[in-house]
Amino acid sequence: MSDRAVRTATGAGRILAMMTCYRAALMLMFDDSNSGLIALWRQYMSLIIVSHYTGDLAGMAPQALLAIGHNKTIHGVLLFWL
């Protein structure tokens, strides 16, 4: 039982490390004119890595967020029910 807790805590640490990498990439955007493209690449790579690691903890939740972002019709359905 304690082994699962250790693996879960390790996975959560990886998620936080990836988000820290994302924030560092945002700060680097203002240092160089080409760093905006690099920051977008890092954001994309961070999203892939975070989706991979959170998939162990939350199942399909990371992919659900991506599907909602690209499927604009779902927002109209959700706003209808509010």
Protein backbone atom coordinates (compact mmCIF):
# COMPACT_ATOMS: atom_id res chain seq x y z
CA MET A 1 0.00 0.00 0.00
CA SER A 2 2.80 2.43 0.83
CA ASP A 3 4.46 1.68 -2.52
CA ARG A 4 1.40 3.08 -4.32
CA ALA A 5 1.53 6.24 -2.22
CA VAL A 6 5.20 6.73 -3.06
CA ARG A 7 4.55 6.24 -6.79
CA THR A 8 1.61 8.67 -6.67
CA ALA A 9 3.70 11.30 -4.88
CA THR A 10 6.50 10.83 -7.41
CA GLY A 11 4.07 11.27 -10.28
CA ALA A 12 2.66 14.43 -8.72
CA GLY A 13 6.19 15.81 -8.39
CA ARG A 14 6.81 15.21 -12.08
CA ILE A 15 3.62 17.09 -12.96
CA LEU A 16 4.68 20.07 -10.86
CA ALA A 17 8.15 19.99 -12.43
CA MET A 18 6.62 20.13 -15.92
CA MET A 19 4.46 23.11 -14.98
CA THR A 20 7.55 24.85 -13.61
CA CYS A 21 9.26 24.24 -16.96
CA TYR A 22 6.25 25.82 -18.69
CA ARG A 23 6.50 28.96 -16.52
CA ALA A 24 10.23 29.22 -17.17
CA ALA A 25 9.54 29.03 -20.90
CA LEU A 26 7.08 31.91 -20.59
CA MET A 27 9.69 34.05 -18.84
CA LEU A 28 12.20 33.33 -21.61
CA MET A 29 9.79 34.62 -24.26
CA PHE A 30 10.87 38.19 -23.64
CA ASP A 31 14.64 37.59 -23.81
CA ASP A 32 14.99 36.81 -27.52
CA SER A 33 12.86 37.36 -30.61
CA ASN A 34 13.00 33.67 -31.57
CA SER A 35 12.29 32.45 -28.05
CA GLY A 36 8.54 32.87 -28.62
CA LEU A 37 8.63 29.94 -31.02
CA ILE A 38 10.81 27.98 -28.63
CA ALA A 39 8.37 28.69 -25.79
CA LEU A 40 5.47 27.43 -27.89
CA TRP A 41 7.41 24.26 -28.65
CA ARG A 42 8.19 23.80 -24.96
CA GLN A 43 4.54 24.35 -24.10
CA TYR A 44 3.52 21.67 -26.60
CA MET A 45 6.12 19.23 -25.30
CA SER A 46 5.13 19.95 -21.69
CA LEU A 47 1.51 19.24 -22.57
CA ILE A 48 2.47 15.88 -24.07
CA ILE A 49 4.57 14.93 -21.04
CA VAL A 50 2.00 16.13 -18.51
CA SER A 51 -0.75 14.28 -20.37
CA HIS A 52 1.35 11.13 -20.25
CA TYR A 53 2.01 11.30 -16.52
CA THR A 54 -1.46 12.48 -15.51
CA GLY A 55 -2.94 9.68 -17.57
CA ASP A 56 -1.62 7.29 -14.91
CA LEU A 57 -3.49 9.17 -12.19
CA ALA A 58 -6.62 10.45 -13.91
CA GLY A 59 -7.33 8.14 -16.84
CA MET A 60 -8.58 10.06 -19.88
CA ALA A 61 -9.02 13.45 -18.16
CA PRO A 62 -6.04 15.18 -19.92
CA GLN A 63 -7.29 14.08 -23.34
CA ALA A 64 -10.80 15.25 -22.44
CA LEU A 65 -9.48 18.77 -21.86
CA LEU A 66 -7.79 18.74 -25.26
CA ALA A 67 -10.99 17.53 -26.93
CA ILE A 68 -13.04 20.31 -25.35
CA GLY A 69 -10.48 22.90 -26.45
CA HIS A 70 -10.73 21.87 -30.11
CA ASN A 71 -14.44 21.10 -30.18
CA LYS A 72 -16.08 24.52 -30.03
CA THR A 73 -19.64 23.20 -30.28
CA ILE A 74 -19.45 21.69 -26.81
CA HIS A 75 -19.15 25.18 -25.30
CA GLY A 76 -22.54 26.12 -26.72
CA VAL A 77 -24.07 22.99 -25.20
CA LEU A 78 -22.50 23.69 -21.82
CA LEU A 79 -23.62 27.31 -21.83
CA PHE A 80 -27.16 26.23 -22.69
CA TRP A 81 -27.40 24.27 -19.44
CA LEU A 82 -26.05 27.11 -17.24
